Each structure stands twice: as C-alpha cells, then as structure tokens.
Amino acid sequence: MFMIKVITPETNHPKEGGILSALVSIYNCTIHIRKPRFTADQYKKYLHDHNQLLSHFVLHEHHSLAKEFPVMGVHLKELDRINPAQVHPDIKIISTSIHSIADAGNLSHPFEYIFYSPLFQSISKENYGTNNSLADLKKTVSELKEQTGIPIIGLGGIYEANIDLVKKSGFDGAALLGAVWVQSDPLAAFGRIASMI
C-alpha cells in the first residue's frame, strides 16, 4: 500500500492545529514534526497543544521528549545516525533521511521506512532539487531497495502533477510538505493528492 506522510512546516502555519487534526481523523495520516528552530520548551508546548494527535507524531528534533509524550517515535537525521547511542533505548526509531544511494549502504538500524530526497524541484525551498525522469526514479528505487530492504518514501517537490510518477517508479510512499502547506487550502490540497493514490 502506497503511504503518504506529511511533514510540518518549519514555522507554524496559522491553521496548523486544525489541519493536523483533520489529516489524522480523515486520513489516519502519520505526521512528521519538523521544527528545527524550536527550543525544547517550544517543542514541548507544541506537543501539549496537540496532545490528542501524539500517537501519529514522529519527532525530528528533541528526541528525549519521546520519553515524556506517547508519540509514535522519532526520525533520525544524518547527524543523529552517526551517533544513535544518544537516542534513549526506550525510544522507538521510525525513520531516517538519505540524499544519495551511497548513504543507503551505511544504514545499520532497522528503520520502518526511509525518506529519500530530493526527487523533484522543491516546492518549499528555493533552488533545491532536480527533476528526475521515470527511468531515473525507477533505477534509484531499485538500487535503494536492493541495498536496504526497507520501504522508501520519496520526498521533495511531490504534488498532484507528479504523485503518479512517484508511485509508478516503485516508491513505497511520498512525504508531502510544500504540496500541502504553501497551498491556500492545505487540507483540500492533501485530499486531491490522496485521491490520486
């Protein structure tokens, strides 16, 4: 089954709470909380404010809060992977990110899935990403799966016009950020993409 994950915007969206609630209640969506500029206290407040959604949250920062809040688990960035011992043994590690096929050979933890990016020109980051063809994507997915045996989630520039390409290329899912949060109606934007799966 093709999975869709949502990554939060780095700074809070004015309607973020309601949108997250709807994504969880309507689509049972996994939400990756990525707030790199948040202090631990800001992160804690964010989790308190969304306490009814915690079981759907994967934390990208302040992993120790996963001992305090019943979140799904944590996401390890590249630097976190270098020293996974800093993550408490009772905290469930869900995912990680890689940006090249070479990175896949260095994975030693049994992640539930891996984000691979960028697939396309980023919607939320200027001058970041590339545009891959179906053949390029198929080759990449094949090599990644051969090296890891772990489901691969595509990330970067994915939206309505190319979600089918991501699926056809063999990715196990897509992670959405700009395709949701830079739209005038984020929930409707997600719904249109989800309806194409």
C-alpha atoms as a PDB file:
ATOM      1  CA  MET A   1       0.000   0.000   0.000  1.00  0.00           C
ATOM      2  CA  PHE A   2       1.346   3.412  -1.017  1.00  0.00           C
ATOM      3  CA  MET A   3       1.856   5.586   2.072  1.00  0.00           C
ATOM      4  CA  ILE A   4       1.533   9.349   2.349  1.00  0.00           C
ATOM      5  CA  LYS A   5       3.325  11.125   5.200  1.00  0.00           C
ATOM      6  CA  VAL A   6       3.035  14.825   5.990  1.00  0.00           C
ATOM      7  CA  ILE A   7       5.924  16.925   7.275  1.00  0.00           C
ATOM      8  CA  THR A   8       5.018  20.053   9.208  1.00  0.00           C
ATOM      9  CA  PRO A   9       6.274  23.448   8.066  1.00  0.00           C
ATOM     10  CA  GLU A  10       9.335  24.743   9.943  1.00  0.00           C
ATOM     11  CA  THR A  11       7.344  27.675  11.297  1.00  0.00           C
ATOM     12  CA  ASN A  12       3.785  27.236  12.470  1.00  0.00           C
ATOM     13  CA  HIS A  13       1.022  27.628   9.900  1.00  0.00           C
ATOM     14  CA  PRO A  14      -1.861  29.776  11.241  1.00  0.00           C
ATOM     15  CA  LYS A  15      -4.302  26.863  10.862  1.00  0.00           C
ATOM     16  CA  GLU A  16      -1.832  24.080  11.615  1.00  0.00           C
ATOM     17  CA  GLY A  17      -3.687  22.554  14.578  1.00  0.00           C
ATOM     18  CA  GLY A  18      -6.969  22.150  12.725  1.00  0.00           C
ATOM     19  CA  ILE A  19      -5.265  20.853   9.604  1.00  0.00           C
ATOM     20  CA  LEU A  20      -3.281  18.259  11.562  1.00  0.00           C
ATOM     21  CA  SER A  21      -6.437  17.138  13.382  1.00  0.00           C
ATOM     22  CA  ALA A  22      -8.249  16.702  10.073  1.00  0.00           C
ATOM     23  CA  LEU A  23      -5.322  14.858   8.449  1.00  0.00           C
ATOM     24  CA  VAL A  24      -5.331  12.399  11.331  1.00  0.00           C
ATOM     25  CA  SER A  25      -9.103  11.990  11.702  1.00  0.00           C
ATOM     26  CA  ILE A  26      -9.945  11.820   7.988  1.00  0.00           C
ATOM     27  CA  TYR A  27      -6.842  10.135   6.552  1.00  0.00           C
ATOM     28  CA  ASN A  28      -5.191   8.476   9.594  1.00  0.00           C
ATOM     29  CA  CYS A  29      -2.017  10.238   8.467  1.00  0.00           C
ATOM     30  CA  THR A  30       1.419   9.990  10.077  1.00  0.00           C
ATOM     31  CA  ILE A  31       2.723  13.482  10.807  1.00  0.00           C
ATOM     32  CA  HIS A  32       6.443  14.217  10.938  1.00  0.00           C
ATOM     33  CA  ILE A  33       7.033  17.119  13.308  1.00  0.00           C
ATOM     34  CA  ARG A  34       9.943  19.093  11.895  1.00  0.00           C
ATOM     35  CA  LYS A  35      10.508  22.341  13.770  1.00  0.00           C
ATOM     36  CA  PRO A  36      14.302  22.826  13.658  1.00  0.00           C
ATOM     37  CA  ARG A  37      14.231  26.301  15.202  1.00  0.00           C
ATOM     38  CA  PHE A  38      12.071  25.299  18.163  1.00  0.00           C
ATOM     39  CA  THR A  39      13.661  25.158  21.597  1.00  0.00           C
ATOM     40  CA  ALA A  40      12.870  22.128  23.752  1.00  0.00           C
ATOM     41  CA  ASP A  41      10.281  24.217  25.625  1.00  0.00           C
ATOM     42  CA  GLN A  42       8.591  25.335  22.388  1.00  0.00           C
ATOM     43  CA  TYR A  43       8.551  21.746  21.174  1.00  0.00           C
ATOM     44  CA  LYS A  44       7.047  20.593  24.474  1.00  0.00           C
ATOM     45  CA  LYS A  45       4.317  23.252  24.236  1.00  0.00           C
ATOM     46  CA  TYR A  46       3.596  22.180  20.651  1.00  0.00           C
ATOM     47  CA  LEU A  47       3.170  18.572  21.802  1.00  0.00           C
ATOM     48  CA  HIS A  48       0.938  19.656  24.716  1.00  0.00           C
ATOM     49  CA  ASP A  49      -1.182  21.730  22.322  1.00  0.00           C
ATOM     50  CA  HIS A  50      -1.678  18.698  20.046  1.00  0.00           C
ATOM     51  CA  ASN A  51      -1.874  16.011  22.732  1.00  0.00           C
ATOM     52  CA  GLN A  52      -4.810  14.203  21.096  1.00  0.00           C
ATOM     53  CA  LEU A  53      -2.660  13.555  17.993  1.00  0.00           C
ATOM     54  CA  LEU A  54       0.549  12.350  19.641  1.00  0.00           C
ATOM     55  CA  SER A  55       0.231   8.713  18.567  1.00  0.00           C
ATOM     56  CA  HIS A  56       0.505   9.925  14.945  1.00  0.00           C
ATOM     57  CA  PHE A  57       3.590  12.103  15.517  1.00  0.00           C
ATOM     58  CA  VAL A  58       7.190  11.324  14.594  1.00  0.00           C
ATOM     59  CA  LEU A  59       9.640  13.803  16.134  1.00  0.00           C
ATOM     60  CA  HIS A  60      12.556  15.142  14.093  1.00  0.00           C
ATOM     61  CA  GLU A  61      14.104  17.139  16.938  1.00  0.00           C
ATOM     62  CA  HIS A  62      14.298  16.966  20.731  1.00  0.00           C
ATOM     63  CA  HIS A  63      14.052  13.178  20.716  1.00  0.00           C
ATOM     64  CA  SER A  64      14.174  12.950  24.508  1.00  0.00           C
ATOM     65  CA  LEU A  65      10.600  14.293  24.576  1.00  0.00           C
ATOM     66  CA  ALA A  66       9.507  10.915  23.212  1.00  0.00           C
ATOM     67  CA  LYS A  67      10.095   9.551  26.736  1.00  0.00           C
ATOM     68  CA  GLU A  68       7.664  12.122  28.111  1.00  0.00           C
ATOM     69  CA  PHE A  69       4.985  12.091  25.385  1.00  0.00           C
ATOM     70  CA  PRO A  70       3.362   8.989  23.827  1.00  0.00           C
ATOM     71  CA  VAL A  71       4.432   9.778  20.266  1.00  0.00           C
ATOM     72  CA  MET A  72       4.806   7.184  17.517  1.00  0.00           C
ATOM     73  CA  GLY A  73       8.596   7.579  17.630  1.00  0.00           C
ATOM     74  CA  VAL A  74      11.484   9.604  16.263  1.00  0.00           C
ATOM     75  CA  HIS A  75      13.160  10.358  12.958  1.00  0.00           C
ATOM     76  CA  LEU A  76      16.959  10.295  12.807  1.00  0.00           C
ATOM     77  CA  LYS A  77      18.670  12.921  10.701  1.00  0.00           C
ATOM     78  CA  GLU A  78      22.075  12.123   9.237  1.00  0.00           C
ATOM     79  CA  LEU A  79      23.946  13.527  12.246  1.00  0.00           C
ATOM     80  CA  ASP A  80      21.698  11.532  14.595  1.00  0.00           C
ATOM     81  CA  ARG A  81      22.529   8.347  12.673  1.00  0.00           C
ATOM     82  CA  ILE A  82      26.236   8.893  13.248  1.00  0.00           C
ATOM     83  CA  ASN A  83      25.668   8.649  16.996  1.00  0.00           C
ATOM     84  CA  PRO A  84      22.413   6.706  17.531  1.00  0.00           C
ATOM     85  CA  ALA A  85      23.504   5.891  21.087  1.00  0.00           C
ATOM     86  CA  GLN A  86      22.373   9.386  22.082  1.00  0.00           C
ATOM     87  CA  VAL A  87      18.785   8.252  21.430  1.00  0.00           C
ATOM     88  CA  HIS A  88      17.411   6.602  24.572  1.00  0.00           C
ATOM     89  CA  PRO A  89      16.973   2.820  24.110  1.00  0.00           C
ATOM     90  CA  ASP A  90      13.284   3.041  25.090  1.00  0.00           C
ATOM     91  CA  ILE A  91      12.529   5.443  22.240  1.00  0.00           C
ATOM     92  CA  LYS A  92      11.256   3.876  19.039  1.00  0.00           C
ATOM     93  CA  ILE A  93      13.187   4.928  15.948  1.00  0.00           C
ATOM     94  CA  ILE A  94      10.809   5.108  12.984  1.00  0.00           C
ATOM     95  CA  SER A  95      12.656   6.666  10.061  1.00  0.00           C
ATOM     96  CA  THR A  96      15.688   8.436   8.675  1.00  0.00           C
ATOM     97  CA  SER A  97      16.569  10.544   5.626  1.00  0.00           C
ATOM     98  CA  ILE A  98      19.111   9.931   2.904  1.00  0.00           C
ATOM     99  CA  HIS A  99      20.059  12.009  -0.115  1.00  0.00           C
ATOM    100  CA  SER A 100      22.125   9.585  -2.171  1.00  0.00           C
ATOM    101  CA  ILE A 101      22.316   5.891  -2.939  1.00  0.00           C
ATOM    102  CA  ALA A 102      25.721   5.838  -1.230  1.00  0.00           C
ATOM    103  CA  ASP A 103      24.043   6.868   2.047  1.00  0.00           C
ATOM    104  CA  ALA A 104      21.918   3.714   1.950  1.00  0.00           C
ATOM    105  CA  GLY A 105      24.929   1.455   2.367  1.00  0.00           C
ATOM    106  CA  ASN A 106      25.721   2.999   5.748  1.00  0.00           C
ATOM    107  CA  LEU A 107      22.360   2.320   7.393  1.00  0.00           C
ATOM    108  CA  SER A 108      22.617  -0.027  10.331  1.00  0.00           C
ATOM    109  CA  HIS A 109      19.330   0.450  12.192  1.00  0.00           C
ATOM    110  CA  PRO A 110      16.162  -1.399  11.144  1.00  0.00           C
ATOM    111  CA  PHE A 111      14.074   1.640  10.227  1.00  0.00           C
ATOM    112  CA  GLU A 112      10.376   1.262   9.370  1.00  0.00           C
ATOM    113  CA  TYR A 113      10.950   3.474   6.319  1.00  0.00           C
ATOM    114  CA  ILE A 114      13.495   5.825   4.781  1.00  0.00           C
ATOM    115  CA  PHE A 115      12.928   9.262   3.255  1.00  0.00           C
ATOM    116  CA  TYR A 116      14.861   9.705   0.006  1.00  0.00           C
ATOM    117  CA  SER A 117      15.175  13.215  -1.407  1.00  0.00           C
ATOM    118  CA  PRO A 118      15.076  15.306  -3.451  1.00  0.00           C
ATOM    119  CA  LEU A 119      13.021  13.743  -6.216  1.00  0.00           C
ATOM    120  CA  PHE A 120      11.995  16.997  -7.899  1.00  0.00           C
ATOM    121  CA  GLN A 121      12.422  20.755  -7.528  1.00  0.00           C
ATOM    122  CA  SER A 122      11.333  21.615  -4.005  1.00  0.00           C
ATOM    123  CA  ILE A 123       8.076  23.493  -3.566  1.00  0.00           C
ATOM    124  CA  SER A 124       9.069  24.957  -0.191  1.00  0.00           C
ATOM    125  CA  LYS A 125      12.846  25.519  -0.697  1.00  0.00           C
ATOM    126  CA  GLU A 126      14.206  27.743  -3.438  1.00  0.00           C
ATOM    127  CA  ASN A 127      16.816  26.285  -5.806  1.00  0.00           C
ATOM    128  CA  TYR A 128      16.744  22.869  -4.159  1.00  0.00           C
ATOM    129  CA  GLY A 129      16.218  19.652  -6.013  1.00  0.00           C
ATOM    130  CA  THR A 130      16.221  18.381  -9.546  1.00  0.00           C
ATOM    131  CA  ASN A 131      13.703  16.904 -11.940  1.00  0.00           C
ATOM    132  CA  ASN A 132      14.020  13.160 -12.380  1.00  0.00           C
ATOM    133  CA  SER A 133      12.512  11.063 -15.147  1.00  0.00           C
ATOM    134  CA  LEU A 134      10.544   7.878 -14.537  1.00  0.00           C
ATOM    135  CA  ALA A 135      13.572   5.840 -15.669  1.00  0.00           C
ATOM    136  CA  ASP A 136      15.859   7.704 -13.234  1.00  0.00           C
ATOM    137  CA  LEU A 137      13.448   7.210 -10.357  1.00  0.00           C
ATOM    138  CA  LYS A 138      12.935   3.505 -11.097  1.00  0.00           C
ATOM    139  CA  LYS A 139      16.692   2.947 -11.145  1.00  0.00           C
ATOM    140  CA  THR A 140      17.156   4.822  -7.872  1.00  0.00           C
ATOM    141  CA  VAL A 141      14.345   2.964  -6.103  1.00  0.00           C
ATOM    142  CA  SER A 142      15.607  -0.386  -7.332  1.00  0.00           C
ATOM    143  CA  GLU A 143      19.129   0.288  -6.045  1.00  0.00           C
ATOM    144  CA  LEU A 144      17.886   1.617  -2.708  1.00  0.00           C
ATOM    145  CA  LYS A 145      15.619  -1.359  -2.102  1.00  0.00           C
ATOM    146  CA  GLU A 146      18.372  -3.768  -3.086  1.00  0.00           C
ATOM    147  CA  GLN A 147      20.749  -2.182  -0.563  1.00  0.00           C
ATOM    148  CA  THR A 148      18.325  -1.691   2.317  1.00  0.00           C
ATOM    149  CA  GLY A 149      15.269  -3.907   2.011  1.00  0.00           C
ATOM    150  CA  ILE A 150      13.424  -1.061   3.753  1.00  0.00           C
ATOM    151  CA  PRO A 151      10.393   0.817   2.351  1.00  0.00           C
ATOM    152  CA  ILE A 152      11.459   4.010   0.571  1.00  0.00           C
ATOM    153  CA  ILE A 153       9.377   7.201   0.847  1.00  0.00           C
ATOM    154  CA  GLY A 154      10.029   9.833  -1.817  1.00  0.00           C
ATOM    155  CA  LEU A 155      10.354  13.456  -0.730  1.00  0.00           C
ATOM    156  CA  GLY A 156      10.917  16.761  -2.460  1.00  0.00           C
ATOM    157  CA  GLY A 157       8.712  18.584  -4.933  1.00  0.00           C
ATOM    158  CA  ILE A 158       5.941  15.984  -4.909  1.00  0.00           C
ATOM    159  CA  TYR A 159       2.467  17.319  -5.722  1.00  0.00           C
ATOM    160  CA  GLU A 160      -0.616  16.485  -7.803  1.00  0.00           C
ATOM    161  CA  ALA A 161       1.146  16.606 -11.174  1.00  0.00           C
ATOM    162  CA  ASN A 162       3.851  14.074 -10.285  1.00  0.00           C
ATOM    163  CA  ILE A 163       2.489  11.850  -7.498  1.00  0.00           C
ATOM    164  CA  ASP A 164       1.587   9.192 -10.075  1.00  0.00           C
ATOM    165  CA  LEU A 165       5.182   9.216 -11.342  1.00  0.00           C
ATOM    166  CA  VAL A 166       6.418   8.615  -7.787  1.00  0.00           C
ATOM    167  CA  LYS A 167       4.054   5.685  -7.397  1.00  0.00           C
ATOM    168  CA  LYS A 168       4.847   4.176 -10.827  1.00  0.00           C
ATOM    169  CA  SER A 169       8.578   4.375 -10.151  1.00  0.00           C
ATOM    170  CA  GLY A 170       8.280   1.945  -7.238  1.00  0.00           C
ATOM    171  CA  PHE A 171       8.477   4.196  -4.195  1.00  0.00           C
ATOM    172  CA  ASP A 172       6.517   2.856  -1.233  1.00  0.00           C
ATOM    173  CA  GLY A 173       5.115   6.266  -0.464  1.00  0.00           C
ATOM    174  CA  ALA A 174       5.514  10.022  -0.598  1.00  0.00           C
ATOM    175  CA  ALA A 175       6.208  12.668   2.020  1.00  0.00           C
ATOM    176  CA  LEU A 176       4.495  15.998   1.468  1.00  0.00           C
ATOM    177  CA  LEU A 177       5.480  19.400   2.759  1.00  0.00           C
ATOM    178  CA  GLY A 178       5.155  22.254   0.260  1.00  0.00           C
ATOM    179  CA  ALA A 179       2.365  20.498  -1.649  1.00  0.00           C
ATOM    180  CA  VAL A 180       0.248  20.877   1.478  1.00  0.00           C
ATOM    181  CA  TRP A 181       1.457  23.878   3.456  1.00  0.00           C
ATOM    182  CA  VAL A 182       2.040  26.504   0.738  1.00  0.00           C
ATOM    183  CA  GLN A 183      -1.452  25.998  -0.691  1.00  0.00           C
ATOM    184  CA  SER A 184      -4.383  28.286   0.103  1.00  0.00           C
ATOM    185  CA  ASP A 185      -6.330  25.250   1.382  1.00  0.00           C
ATOM    186  CA  PRO A 186      -3.805  22.708   2.717  1.00  0.00           C
ATOM    187  CA  LEU A 187      -6.397  20.066   3.601  1.00  0.00           C
ATOM    188  CA  ALA A 188      -8.029  20.201   0.168  1.00  0.00           C
ATOM    189  CA  ALA A 189      -4.575  20.007  -1.456  1.00  0.00           C
ATOM    190  CA  PHE A 190      -3.774  16.878   0.545  1.00  0.00           C
ATOM    191  CA  GLY A 191      -7.171  15.404  -0.320  1.00  0.00           C
ATOM    192  CA  ARG A 192      -6.615  15.879  -4.047  1.00  0.00           C
ATOM    193  CA  ILE A 193      -3.249  14.109  -3.845  1.00  0.00           C
ATOM    194  CA  ALA A 194      -4.623  11.307  -1.663  1.00  0.00           C
ATOM    195  CA  SER A 195      -7.464  10.738  -4.139  1.00  0.00           C
ATOM    196  CA  MET A 196      -4.900  10.024  -6.858  1.00  0.00           C
ATOM    197  CA  ILE A 197      -3.347   7.110  -4.983  1.00  0.00           C
END
